[in-house]
Amino acid sequence: MGYRPLGECIESVIDHRGLTPKKLGGDWSQFGYRALSAKNVKNGALVQEDAMNRVSNEMYHRWMPEEVERGDVFITSEAPFGEVLYWDSDEKLVLSQRVFGLKVNRDICDSRYLYYWMQSPFFQGELRGRATGTTVVGLRQPELLRCTVKLPARDIQTAIAHVLGAIDSKITLNKQINGYLAA
């Protein structure tokens, strides 16, 4: 078991932070593909989904030459800073403002394990240490890729991710039950 830089655990980074439809010669749309920005990621979940912008099919293909896939991990670079989301869907998204999309090298790293590691106090502390800015804390891609990941054997990563995923599922179910009881 050892530590590796995040950059060695991923195959590629989707980084379209700051890109807008206007910069691509278009505009937002009422229908089409949803655009994920940092404000839509909180505590490992999508939030404010009703407020997500959308883009047309043509704009989507211009914006996203490398598409989001199930198992990708997203992390916000600022406002809010360091929020992580595991993409467990086949829905295609546009990665918009202040979000990095990480395509995990599945030969050496379980993507769900990486998601949980990136939420850990160890990783989050390193993120904060590499961040810049006083009013708005942010992180540049090279600094993100230097952050370290503790990598046990691949089968152990999968087992850890399975246990933590089961706990998350139970928490979600309990919240739903509490919602029904309160109604």
C-alpha atoms as a PDB file:
ATOM      1  CA  MET A   1       0.000   0.000   0.000  1.00  0.00           C
ATOM      2  CA  GLY A   2       1.395   3.334  -0.952  1.00  0.00           C
ATOM      3  CA  TYR A   3       0.587   6.875  -1.894  1.00  0.00           C
ATOM      4  CA  ARG A   4       0.422   8.181  -5.439  1.00  0.00           C
ATOM      5  CA  PRO A   5      -0.286  11.606  -6.873  1.00  0.00           C
ATOM      6  CA  LEU A   6      -3.870  11.942  -8.073  1.00  0.00           C
ATOM      7  CA  GLY A   7      -2.489  12.600 -11.560  1.00  0.00           C
ATOM      8  CA  GLU A   8      -1.219   8.990 -11.692  1.00  0.00           C
ATOM      9  CA  CYS A   9      -4.656   7.629 -10.701  1.00  0.00           C
ATOM     10  CA  ILE A  10      -6.550   9.193 -13.575  1.00  0.00           C
ATOM     11  CA  GLU A  11      -6.467   8.883 -17.357  1.00  0.00           C
ATOM     12  CA  SER A  12      -7.661  12.392 -18.151  1.00  0.00           C
ATOM     13  CA  VAL A  13      -9.243  15.539 -16.758  1.00  0.00           C
ATOM     14  CA  ILE A  14     -12.248  17.280 -18.280  1.00  0.00           C
ATOM     15  CA  ASP A  15     -11.657  20.933 -17.489  1.00  0.00           C
ATOM     16  CA  HIS A  16     -14.052  23.421 -19.078  1.00  0.00           C
ATOM     17  CA  ARG A  17     -14.172  25.779 -16.104  1.00  0.00           C
ATOM     18  CA  GLY A  18     -15.161  29.241 -17.222  1.00  0.00           C
ATOM     19  CA  LEU A  19     -16.516  28.085 -20.562  1.00  0.00           C
ATOM     20  CA  THR A  20     -19.971  29.408 -21.453  1.00  0.00           C
ATOM     21  CA  PRO A  21     -22.268  29.011 -24.465  1.00  0.00           C
ATOM     22  CA  LYS A  22     -21.579  32.639 -25.396  1.00  0.00           C
ATOM     23  CA  LYS A  23     -17.856  31.864 -25.674  1.00  0.00           C
ATOM     24  CA  LEU A  24     -18.783  29.020 -28.046  1.00  0.00           C
ATOM     25  CA  GLY A  25     -21.026  31.234 -30.177  1.00  0.00           C
ATOM     26  CA  GLY A  26     -24.359  30.090 -28.729  1.00  0.00           C
ATOM     27  CA  ASP A  27     -26.642  30.416 -25.738  1.00  0.00           C
ATOM     28  CA  TRP A  28     -28.372  28.377 -23.040  1.00  0.00           C
ATOM     29  CA  SER A  29     -31.432  26.393 -24.096  1.00  0.00           C
ATOM     30  CA  GLN A  30     -34.748  25.473 -22.484  1.00  0.00           C
ATOM     31  CA  PHE A  31     -34.260  21.819 -23.398  1.00  0.00           C
ATOM     32  CA  GLY A  32     -31.333  19.503 -23.946  1.00  0.00           C
ATOM     33  CA  TYR A  33     -28.349  18.453 -21.900  1.00  0.00           C
ATOM     34  CA  ARG A  34     -27.947  19.695 -18.336  1.00  0.00           C
ATOM     35  CA  ALA A  35     -24.900  21.776 -17.422  1.00  0.00           C
ATOM     36  CA  LEU A  36     -23.308  20.935 -14.078  1.00  0.00           C
ATOM     37  CA  SER A  37     -21.650  23.798 -12.221  1.00  0.00           C
ATOM     38  CA  ALA A  38     -20.045  23.898  -8.777  1.00  0.00           C
ATOM     39  CA  LYS A  39     -23.239  25.246  -7.196  1.00  0.00           C
ATOM     40  CA  ASN A  40     -24.930  21.925  -8.090  1.00  0.00           C
ATOM     41  CA  VAL A  41     -22.542  19.735  -6.047  1.00  0.00           C
ATOM     42  CA  LYS A  42     -22.908  19.439  -2.283  1.00  0.00           C
ATOM     43  CA  ASN A  43     -22.065  16.612   0.135  1.00  0.00           C
ATOM     44  CA  GLY A  44     -21.654  14.038  -2.622  1.00  0.00           C
ATOM     45  CA  ALA A  45     -25.000  14.786  -4.261  1.00  0.00           C
ATOM     46  CA  LEU A  46     -26.609  16.911  -6.943  1.00  0.00           C
ATOM     47  CA  VAL A  47     -28.427  19.932  -5.540  1.00  0.00           C
ATOM     48  CA  GLN A  48     -30.470  22.753  -7.034  1.00  0.00           C
ATOM     49  CA  GLU A  49     -31.217  20.556 -10.042  1.00  0.00           C
ATOM     50  CA  ASP A  50     -34.147  22.769 -11.087  1.00  0.00           C
ATOM     51  CA  ALA A  51     -31.726  25.667 -11.543  1.00  0.00           C
ATOM     52  CA  MET A  52     -29.327  23.757 -13.836  1.00  0.00           C
ATOM     53  CA  ASN A  53     -28.847  25.390 -17.222  1.00  0.00           C
ATOM     54  CA  ARG A  54     -29.274  23.378 -20.407  1.00  0.00           C
ATOM     55  CA  VAL A  55     -27.639  23.342 -23.810  1.00  0.00           C
ATOM     56  CA  SER A  56     -28.762  22.115 -27.233  1.00  0.00           C
ATOM     57  CA  ASN A  57     -27.441  18.959 -28.861  1.00  0.00           C
ATOM     58  CA  GLU A  58     -25.208  21.018 -31.159  1.00  0.00           C
ATOM     59  CA  MET A  59     -23.785  23.035 -28.248  1.00  0.00           C
ATOM     60  CA  TYR A  60     -23.242  19.866 -26.209  1.00  0.00           C
ATOM     61  CA  HIS A  61     -21.067  18.330 -28.923  1.00  0.00           C
ATOM     62  CA  ARG A  62     -19.076  21.543 -29.307  1.00  0.00           C
ATOM     63  CA  TRP A  63     -18.586  21.855 -25.547  1.00  0.00           C
ATOM     64  CA  MET A  64     -17.911  18.228 -24.587  1.00  0.00           C
ATOM     65  CA  PRO A  65     -15.538  16.506 -27.043  1.00  0.00           C
ATOM     66  CA  GLU A  66     -14.743  14.125 -24.170  1.00  0.00           C
ATOM     67  CA  GLU A  67     -18.001  12.955 -22.625  1.00  0.00           C
ATOM     68  CA  VAL A  68     -18.874  12.263 -19.023  1.00  0.00           C
ATOM     69  CA  GLU A  69     -19.296   8.566 -18.250  1.00  0.00           C
ATOM     70  CA  ARG A  70     -20.631   6.499 -15.361  1.00  0.00           C
ATOM     71  CA  GLY A  71     -17.847   6.185 -12.796  1.00  0.00           C
ATOM     72  CA  ASP A  72     -16.302   9.605 -13.423  1.00  0.00           C
ATOM     73  CA  VAL A  73     -15.544  11.691 -10.347  1.00  0.00           C
ATOM     74  CA  PHE A  74     -16.242  15.429 -10.238  1.00  0.00           C
ATOM     75  CA  ILE A  75     -14.641  17.932  -7.893  1.00  0.00           C
ATOM     76  CA  THR A  76     -15.408  21.621  -7.560  1.00  0.00           C
ATOM     77  CA  SER A  77     -12.475  24.006  -7.885  1.00  0.00           C
ATOM     78  CA  GLU A  78     -14.122  26.955  -6.092  1.00  0.00           C
ATOM     79  CA  ALA A  79     -17.373  28.394  -4.759  1.00  0.00           C
ATOM     80  CA  PRO A  80     -17.918  25.896  -3.186  1.00  0.00           C
ATOM     81  CA  PHE A  81     -14.424  24.478  -2.899  1.00  0.00           C
ATOM     82  CA  GLY A  82     -13.565  20.764  -2.771  1.00  0.00           C
ATOM     83  CA  GLU A  83     -17.042  19.260  -3.121  1.00  0.00           C
ATOM     84  CA  VAL A  84     -16.878  15.773  -4.681  1.00  0.00           C
ATOM     85  CA  LEU A  85     -19.484  13.849  -6.694  1.00  0.00           C
ATOM     86  CA  TYR A  86     -19.373  10.265  -8.007  1.00  0.00           C
ATOM     87  CA  TRP A  87     -21.255  10.082 -11.310  1.00  0.00           C
ATOM     88  CA  ASP A  88     -23.393   6.945 -11.113  1.00  0.00           C
ATOM     89  CA  SER A  89     -25.538   7.610 -14.176  1.00  0.00           C
ATOM     90  CA  ASP A  90     -25.455   7.205 -17.941  1.00  0.00           C
ATOM     91  CA  GLU A  91     -26.830  10.742 -18.367  1.00  0.00           C
ATOM     92  CA  LYS A  92     -24.536  12.923 -20.455  1.00  0.00           C
ATOM     93  CA  LEU A  93     -23.731  16.269 -18.825  1.00  0.00           C
ATOM     94  CA  VAL A  94     -21.907  19.424 -19.749  1.00  0.00           C
ATOM     95  CA  LEU A  95     -19.237  20.220 -17.175  1.00  0.00           C
ATOM     96  CA  SER A  96     -19.494  23.913 -16.722  1.00  0.00           C
ATOM     97  CA  GLN A  97     -18.273  26.453 -14.218  1.00  0.00           C
ATOM     98  CA  ARG A  98     -15.742  25.478 -11.576  1.00  0.00           C
ATOM     99  CA  VAL A  99     -15.936  21.662 -11.981  1.00  0.00           C
ATOM    100  CA  PHE A 100     -13.158  19.214 -12.858  1.00  0.00           C
ATOM    101  CA  GLY A 101     -14.200  15.852 -14.321  1.00  0.00           C
ATOM    102  CA  LEU A 102     -11.784  13.027 -13.520  1.00  0.00           C
ATOM    103  CA  LYS A 103     -11.627   9.901 -15.663  1.00  0.00           C
ATOM    104  CA  VAL A 104     -10.135   7.287 -13.377  1.00  0.00           C
ATOM    105  CA  ASN A 105      -7.461   4.824 -14.496  1.00  0.00           C
ATOM    106  CA  ARG A 106      -9.420   1.728 -13.519  1.00  0.00           C
ATOM    107  CA  ASP A 107      -6.363  -0.527 -13.847  1.00  0.00           C
ATOM    108  CA  ILE A 108      -4.922   0.929 -10.650  1.00  0.00           C
ATOM    109  CA  CYS A 109      -7.819   2.665  -8.928  1.00  0.00           C
ATOM    110  CA  ASP A 110     -11.462   1.906  -8.163  1.00  0.00           C
ATOM    111  CA  SER A 111     -13.377   5.060  -9.097  1.00  0.00           C
ATOM    112  CA  ARG A 112     -15.788   4.798  -6.183  1.00  0.00           C
ATOM    113  CA  TYR A 113     -12.856   4.308  -3.796  1.00  0.00           C
ATOM    114  CA  LEU A 114     -11.238   7.438  -5.242  1.00  0.00           C
ATOM    115  CA  TYR A 115     -14.486   9.337  -4.677  1.00  0.00           C
ATOM    116  CA  TYR A 116     -14.514   8.327  -0.999  1.00  0.00           C
ATOM    117  CA  TRP A 117     -10.798   9.074  -0.588  1.00  0.00           C
ATOM    118  CA  MET A 118     -11.299  12.559  -2.053  1.00  0.00           C
ATOM    119  CA  GLN A 119     -13.975  13.229   0.579  1.00  0.00           C
ATOM    120  CA  SER A 120     -11.666  12.165   3.406  1.00  0.00           C
ATOM    121  CA  PRO A 121     -10.212  14.699   5.850  1.00  0.00           C
ATOM    122  CA  PHE A 122      -6.727  13.705   4.602  1.00  0.00           C
ATOM    123  CA  PHE A 123      -7.410  14.640   0.980  1.00  0.00           C
ATOM    124  CA  GLN A 124      -9.548  17.664   1.839  1.00  0.00           C
ATOM    125  CA  GLY A 125      -6.783  18.977   4.111  1.00  0.00           C
ATOM    126  CA  GLU A 126      -4.237  18.624   1.336  1.00  0.00           C
ATOM    127  CA  LEU A 127      -6.621  20.385  -1.067  1.00  0.00           C
ATOM    128  CA  ARG A 128      -6.947  23.329   1.316  1.00  0.00           C
ATOM    129  CA  GLY A 129      -3.178  23.455   1.679  1.00  0.00           C
ATOM    130  CA  ARG A 130      -2.738  23.710  -2.093  1.00  0.00           C
ATOM    131  CA  ALA A 131      -5.524  26.246  -2.635  1.00  0.00           C
ATOM    132  CA  THR A 132      -4.997  29.906  -3.403  1.00  0.00           C
ATOM    133  CA  GLY A 133      -7.060  33.020  -2.822  1.00  0.00           C
ATOM    134  CA  THR A 134      -8.401  34.820   0.206  1.00  0.00           C
ATOM    135  CA  THR A 135     -11.879  36.024  -0.746  1.00  0.00           C
ATOM    136  CA  VAL A 136     -12.651  33.047  -2.991  1.00  0.00           C
ATOM    137  CA  VAL A 137     -10.569  29.947  -2.315  1.00  0.00           C
ATOM    138  CA  GLY A 138      -9.721  28.057  -5.491  1.00  0.00           C
ATOM    139  CA  LEU A 139      -7.504  25.350  -6.903  1.00  0.00           C
ATOM    140  CA  ARG A 140      -5.666  25.095 -10.196  1.00  0.00           C
ATOM    141  CA  GLN A 141      -5.558  21.786 -12.050  1.00  0.00           C
ATOM    142  CA  PRO A 142      -1.782  21.169 -11.600  1.00  0.00           C
ATOM    143  CA  GLU A 143      -2.147  21.514  -7.822  1.00  0.00           C
ATOM    144  CA  LEU A 144      -5.151  19.167  -7.776  1.00  0.00           C
ATOM    145  CA  LEU A 145      -3.174  16.518  -9.661  1.00  0.00           C
ATOM    146  CA  ARG A 146      -0.336  16.738  -7.105  1.00  0.00           C
ATOM    147  CA  CYS A 147      -2.637  15.793  -4.211  1.00  0.00           C
ATOM    148  CA  THR A 148      -1.926  12.293  -2.901  1.00  0.00           C
ATOM    149  CA  VAL A 149      -4.137   9.235  -2.863  1.00  0.00           C
ATOM    150  CA  LYS A 150      -3.594   6.282  -0.535  1.00  0.00           C
ATOM    151  CA  LEU A 151      -3.845   3.197  -2.742  1.00  0.00           C
ATOM    152  CA  PRO A 152      -4.209  -0.219  -1.146  1.00  0.00           C
ATOM    153  CA  ALA A 153      -4.437  -3.255  -3.454  1.00  0.00           C
ATOM    154  CA  ARG A 154      -7.170  -2.935  -6.089  1.00  0.00           C
ATOM    155  CA  ASP A 155      -9.399  -5.619  -4.497  1.00  0.00           C
ATOM    156  CA  ILE A 156      -9.165  -3.880  -1.119  1.00  0.00           C
ATOM    157  CA  GLN A 157     -10.135  -0.555  -2.735  1.00  0.00           C
ATOM    158  CA  THR A 158     -13.226  -2.224  -4.206  1.00  0.00           C
ATOM    159  CA  ALA A 159     -14.145  -3.774  -0.849  1.00  0.00           C
ATOM    160  CA  ILE A 160     -13.761  -0.424   0.950  1.00  0.00           C
ATOM    161  CA  ALA A 161     -15.870   1.318  -1.691  1.00  0.00           C
ATOM    162  CA  HIS A 162     -18.544  -1.389  -1.417  1.00  0.00           C
ATOM    163  CA  VAL A 163     -18.834  -1.022   2.368  1.00  0.00           C
ATOM    164  CA  LEU A 164     -18.930   2.790   2.239  1.00  0.00           C
ATOM    165  CA  GLY A 165     -21.437   2.651  -0.624  1.00  0.00           C
ATOM    166  CA  ALA A 166     -23.711   0.371   1.425  1.00  0.00           C
ATOM    167  CA  ILE A 167     -23.539   2.811   4.342  1.00  0.00           C
ATOM    168  CA  ASP A 168     -24.385   5.726   2.011  1.00  0.00           C
ATOM    169  CA  SER A 169     -27.354   3.778   0.621  1.00  0.00           C
ATOM    170  CA  LYS A 170     -28.634   3.118   4.142  1.00  0.00           C
ATOM    171  CA  ILE A 171     -28.290   6.807   5.058  1.00  0.00           C
ATOM    172  CA  THR A 172     -30.236   7.789   1.920  1.00  0.00           C
ATOM    173  CA  LEU A 173     -32.960   5.264   2.708  1.00  0.00           C
ATOM    174  CA  ASN A 174     -33.229   6.533   6.306  1.00  0.00           C
ATOM    175  CA  LYS A 175     -33.581  10.114   5.054  1.00  0.00           C
ATOM    176  CA  GLN A 176     -36.378   9.029   2.721  1.00  0.00           C
ATOM    177  CA  ILE A 177     -38.169   7.181   5.525  1.00  0.00           C
ATOM    178  CA  ASN A 178     -37.806  10.227   7.797  1.00  0.00           C
ATOM    179  CA  GLY A 179     -39.260  12.383   5.016  1.00  0.00           C
ATOM    180  CA  TYR A 180     -42.282  10.107   4.715  1.00  0.00           C
ATOM    181  CA  LEU A 181     -42.807  10.070   8.485  1.00  0.00           C
ATOM    182  CA  ALA A 182     -42.626  13.864   8.679  1.00  0.00           C
ATOM    183  CA  ALA A 183     -45.175  14.320   5.870  1.00  0.00           C
END
